[in-house]
């Protein structure tokens, strides 16, 4: 039975989708895929529909009317995954910057941790084919996020993650403010404040092979605002922390 689902948000990813879903379904672990498509003009949503017909129960698609932000795409995927009974829900990019080969190790670590991050910044991790500007932006954002919010994970801005079901059920998803890439930092902040145990698996992040990057100057500005807002929330305190919950022995 498939109880781990990978959310793949898409906008104009027709060049990548077939290959990505093929690789995901061929992994030596039982996983399914939830494509969240923002009405891609290149037909990505229709390709996803074809996969749903070919692999019922393993591939699902959520169609949205247009571009509404990465964070809201993840939330739509989380809700779909919870509704179909997923026990683990993962997030990854559609552009092969996150290689599917790391997923089995992430699932294995999730037997001991509530949240698992595919991390560039632990021993064995790294980045490939990225411009120096991209690397500098990533390392700078990580340093600021970890410093301002006291985040313990080495890679606080990574989008390659696994959440156990109980983690997502503990977070008021509809009240998350961030909609873009800063959603990733806000989710990690909320997970840590609730006392969930967070682990990291080293990955090599590769810059996208096809298509164009979706990060804009506007996204960077929004991320800065999110960091300041969460830092103020952290200093204000007063939020109840969820006690650490022991991991059940059964899978």
Protein backbone atom coordinates (compact mmCIF):
# COMPACT_ATOMS: atom_id res chain seq x y z
CA UNK A 1 0.00 0.00 0.00
CA UNK A 2 1.28 3.47 -0.89
CA UNK A 3 1.41 5.69 2.20
CA UNK A 4 4.14 8.13 1.12
CA UNK A 5 3.25 10.79 -1.43
CA UNK A 6 5.50 13.36 -3.11
CA UNK A 7 4.03 16.78 -3.90
CA UNK A 8 5.34 18.27 -7.13
CA UNK A 9 4.19 21.88 -7.75
CA UNK A 10 4.26 22.68 -11.47
CA UNK A 11 4.07 25.66 -13.78
CA UNK A 12 5.32 25.02 -17.31
CA UNK A 13 7.17 21.81 -16.48
CA UNK A 14 6.02 19.74 -19.48
CA UNK A 15 9.67 19.09 -20.42
CA UNK A 16 10.34 17.44 -17.05
CA UNK A 17 7.12 15.88 -15.79
CA UNK A 18 7.05 12.54 -17.64
CA UNK A 19 10.66 11.76 -16.79
CA UNK A 20 10.25 12.83 -13.17
CA UNK A 21 7.11 10.79 -12.48
CA UNK A 22 8.65 7.76 -14.23
CA UNK A 23 11.71 7.97 -11.96
CA UNK A 24 9.63 8.49 -8.82
CA UNK A 25 7.37 5.51 -9.47
CA UNK A 26 10.39 3.32 -10.31
CA UNK A 27 12.08 3.90 -6.93
CA UNK A 28 12.55 0.81 -4.71
CA UNK A 29 10.07 2.26 -2.18
CA UNK A 30 6.29 2.52 -2.47
CA UNK A 31 5.50 6.16 -3.18
CA UNK A 32 2.84 8.09 -5.03
CA UNK A 33 2.83 11.54 -6.62
CA UNK A 34 0.55 14.54 -6.19
CA UNK A 35 1.02 17.08 -8.98
CA UNK A 36 -0.25 20.58 -8.14
CA UNK A 37 -0.48 22.44 -11.43
CA UNK A 38 -1.13 26.17 -11.71
CA UNK A 39 -2.90 26.05 -15.10
CA UNK A 40 0.37 25.74 -17.03
CA UNK A 41 -0.03 27.07 -20.59
CA UNK A 42 2.41 24.42 -21.87
CA UNK A 43 0.04 21.53 -21.06
CA UNK A 44 1.71 20.23 -17.87
CA UNK A 45 -1.70 19.74 -16.25
CA UNK A 46 -2.95 17.61 -19.16
CA UNK A 47 0.20 15.44 -18.95
CA UNK A 48 -0.51 14.94 -15.25
CA UNK A 49 -4.08 13.88 -16.07
CA UNK A 50 -2.68 11.20 -18.39
CA UNK A 51 -0.59 9.84 -15.51
CA UNK A 52 -3.67 9.75 -13.26
CA UNK A 53 -5.41 7.58 -15.87
CA UNK A 54 -2.35 5.30 -16.20
CA UNK A 55 -1.57 5.00 -12.48
CA UNK A 56 -4.82 5.36 -10.51
CA UNK A 57 -4.19 5.47 -6.77
CA UNK A 58 -0.52 6.34 -7.25
CA UNK A 59 -0.75 9.63 -9.16
CA UNK A 60 -3.13 12.47 -8.34
CA UNK A 61 -3.40 15.99 -9.72
CA UNK A 62 -4.74 19.17 -8.18
CA UNK A 63 -5.61 21.77 -10.83
CA UNK A 64 -5.50 25.42 -9.77
CA UNK A 65 -6.75 28.38 -11.85
CA UNK A 66 -3.37 30.14 -12.08
CA UNK A 67 -0.10 31.01 -10.34
CA UNK A 68 -0.89 31.43 -6.65
CA UNK A 69 2.49 30.92 -5.01
CA UNK A 70 4.64 27.97 -4.01
CA UNK A 71 3.43 27.90 -0.42
CA UNK A 72 -0.24 27.67 -1.33
CA UNK A 73 0.62 24.92 -3.84
CA UNK A 74 2.24 22.92 -1.05
CA UNK A 75 -0.79 23.49 1.20
CA UNK A 76 -3.12 22.25 -1.55
CA UNK A 77 -0.90 19.18 -1.88
CA UNK A 78 -0.79 18.63 1.89
CA UNK A 79 -4.58 18.71 2.07
CA UNK A 80 -4.90 16.26 -0.80
CA UNK A 81 -2.32 13.93 0.77
CA UNK A 82 -4.02 13.99 4.17
CA UNK A 83 -7.41 13.38 2.53
CA UNK A 84 -6.19 10.22 0.78
CA UNK A 85 -4.60 8.85 3.96
CA UNK A 86 -0.90 9.54 3.38
CA UNK A 87 1.31 8.88 6.42
CA UNK A 88 4.29 10.72 4.96
CA UNK A 89 4.11 13.69 2.61
CA UNK A 90 7.16 14.96 0.75
CA UNK A 91 7.83 18.13 -1.25
CA UNK A 92 10.27 18.51 -4.12
CA UNK A 93 10.87 20.62 -7.22
CA UNK A 94 9.82 19.43 -10.67
CA UNK A 95 13.07 20.51 -12.36
CA UNK A 96 15.41 17.72 -11.16
CA UNK A 97 17.31 20.05 -8.85
CA UNK A 98 16.15 17.51 -6.24
CA UNK A 99 17.20 14.05 -7.41
CA UNK A 100 14.67 11.28 -6.67
CA UNK A 101 17.50 8.92 -5.70
CA UNK A 102 17.69 10.52 -2.23
CA UNK A 103 14.08 9.68 -1.36
CA UNK A 104 14.67 6.16 0.05
CA UNK A 105 17.22 7.54 2.56
CA UNK A 106 14.82 10.29 3.57
CA UNK A 107 12.02 7.77 4.15
CA UNK A 108 14.37 5.60 6.21
CA UNK A 109 15.34 8.53 8.47
CA UNK A 110 11.66 9.41 8.91
CA UNK A 111 11.33 6.28 11.03
CA UNK A 112 13.33 8.18 13.66
CA UNK A 113 12.52 11.83 12.87
CA UNK A 114 9.27 13.68 12.30
CA UNK A 115 10.64 16.01 9.59
CA UNK A 116 13.47 15.09 7.19
CA UNK A 117 15.27 17.66 5.03
CA UNK A 118 17.27 16.88 1.90
CA UNK A 119 20.17 19.11 2.90
CA UNK A 120 22.93 20.85 0.97
CA UNK A 121 24.71 21.99 4.10
CA UNK A 122 25.49 18.83 6.07
CA UNK A 123 28.51 16.58 5.50
CA UNK A 124 28.23 14.95 2.08
CA UNK A 125 25.84 17.59 0.71
CA UNK A 126 26.56 20.29 -1.83
CA UNK A 127 25.50 22.14 -4.98
CA UNK A 128 26.30 21.54 -8.64
CA UNK A 129 26.04 23.74 -11.74
CA UNK A 130 24.81 26.69 -9.67
CA UNK A 131 26.01 30.23 -10.37
CA UNK A 132 28.00 31.92 -7.62
CA UNK A 133 25.14 34.38 -7.20
CA UNK A 134 22.69 31.54 -6.59
CA UNK A 135 25.03 29.92 -4.05
CA UNK A 136 25.62 33.23 -2.29
CA UNK A 137 21.88 33.95 -2.13
CA UNK A 138 21.15 30.49 -0.72
CA UNK A 139 23.91 30.56 1.90
CA UNK A 140 23.04 34.12 2.89
CA UNK A 141 19.34 33.31 3.26
CA UNK A 142 20.18 30.27 5.34
CA UNK A 143 22.51 32.19 7.63
CA UNK A 144 19.97 34.96 8.22
CA UNK A 145 17.06 32.53 8.75
CA UNK A 146 19.02 30.38 11.21
CA UNK A 147 20.36 33.39 13.09
CA UNK A 148 17.11 35.38 13.35
CA UNK A 149 14.84 32.43 14.09
CA UNK A 150 17.26 30.15 15.97
CA UNK A 151 16.55 27.34 13.51
CA UNK A 152 18.61 24.24 14.18
CA UNK A 153 18.53 22.67 10.71
CA UNK A 154 21.59 23.41 8.59
CA UNK A 155 19.51 23.84 5.41
CA UNK A 156 16.55 25.95 6.51
CA UNK A 157 15.47 27.02 3.01
CA UNK A 158 15.44 23.59 1.35
CA UNK A 159 12.29 22.60 -0.54
CA UNK A 160 13.16 18.87 -0.54
CA UNK A 161 11.44 17.67 2.63
CA UNK A 162 9.44 14.90 4.23
CA UNK A 163 6.78 15.53 6.86
CA UNK A 164 5.09 12.82 8.84
CA UNK A 165 1.31 13.05 8.93
CA UNK A 166 1.12 14.06 12.60
CA UNK A 167 3.35 17.07 11.94
CA UNK A 168 1.06 18.49 9.26
CA UNK A 169 -2.02 17.78 11.38
CA UNK A 170 -0.50 19.87 14.20
CA UNK A 171 -0.01 22.99 12.06
CA UNK A 172 -2.85 25.40 11.14
CA UNK A 173 -2.10 25.31 7.42
CA UNK A 174 -4.73 27.89 6.49
CA UNK A 175 -3.14 30.44 8.83
CA UNK A 176 0.35 30.32 7.30
CA UNK A 177 1.06 33.81 5.99
CA UNK A 178 3.81 33.13 3.44
CA UNK A 179 2.82 32.09 -0.05
CA UNK A 180 6.17 32.05 -1.89
CA UNK A 181 9.56 30.50 -1.18
CA UNK A 182 9.60 31.96 2.36
CA UNK A 183 6.83 29.44 3.11
CA UNK A 184 9.63 26.89 3.55
CA UNK A 185 11.23 28.89 6.36
CA UNK A 186 7.87 29.51 8.04
CA UNK A 187 7.01 25.78 7.94
CA UNK A 188 10.34 24.85 9.52
CA UNK A 189 9.87 27.55 12.18
CA UNK A 190 6.43 26.15 13.05
CA UNK A 191 7.71 22.55 13.14
CA UNK A 192 10.58 23.44 15.46
CA UNK A 193 8.37 25.48 17.81
CA UNK A 194 6.09 22.49 18.20
CA UNK A 195 9.00 20.32 19.26
CA UNK A 196 9.00 17.97 16.29
CA UNK A 197 12.30 16.19 15.74
CA UNK A 198 14.07 17.29 12.56
CA UNK A 199 16.72 15.31 10.68
CA UNK A 200 18.79 15.96 7.55
CA UNK A 201 19.99 13.73 4.73
CA UNK A 202 22.87 15.02 2.56
CA UNK A 203 21.97 15.76 -1.06
CA UNK A 204 23.71 17.41 -3.99
CA UNK A 205 21.43 20.16 -5.32
CA UNK A 206 21.68 20.55 -9.10
CA UNK A 207 20.55 23.69 -10.88
CA UNK A 208 17.57 23.02 -13.15
CA UNK A 209 18.31 21.18 -16.39
CA UNK A 210 15.40 22.56 -18.44
CA UNK A 211 13.10 25.56 -18.22
CA UNK A 212 13.66 28.73 -16.26
CA UNK A 213 13.96 29.52 -12.57
CA UNK A 214 10.91 30.93 -10.79
CA UNK A 215 12.73 33.03 -8.18
CA UNK A 216 12.15 36.77 -8.68
CA UNK A 217 13.36 39.92 -6.92
CA UNK A 218 9.85 40.27 -5.51
CA UNK A 219 10.20 36.82 -3.88
CA UNK A 220 13.43 37.90 -2.19
CA UNK A 221 11.74 41.00 -0.76
CA UNK A 222 8.80 38.94 0.51
CA UNK A 223 11.21 36.49 2.13
CA UNK A 224 12.96 39.30 4.00
CA UNK A 225 9.61 40.49 5.33
CA UNK A 226 8.69 36.95 6.45
CA UNK A 227 11.98 36.58 8.34
CA UNK A 228 11.45 39.84 10.21
CA UNK A 229 7.83 38.97 11.02
CA UNK A 230 8.77 35.53 12.37
CA UNK A 231 11.71 36.96 14.32
CA UNK A 232 9.33 39.35 16.08
CA UNK A 233 6.97 36.47 16.78
CA UNK A 234 9.83 34.45 18.27
CA UNK A 235 10.92 37.34 20.52
CA UNK A 236 7.34 37.98 21.63
CA UNK A 237 7.04 34.38 22.79
CA UNK A 238 3.92 33.12 24.50
CA UNK A 239 3.13 30.34 22.05
CA UNK A 240 2.54 26.93 23.60
CA UNK A 241 5.25 24.50 22.57
CA UNK A 242 4.18 21.01 21.70
CA UNK A 243 6.14 18.51 23.82
CA UNK A 244 8.40 16.12 21.97
CA UNK A 245 6.38 13.12 20.94
CA UNK A 246 8.12 9.74 20.94
CA UNK A 247 8.17 8.04 17.59
CA UNK A 248 5.89 4.97 17.52
CA UNK A 249 7.69 1.71 16.80
CA UNK A 250 5.23 0.49 14.18
CA UNK A 251 5.48 2.03 10.70
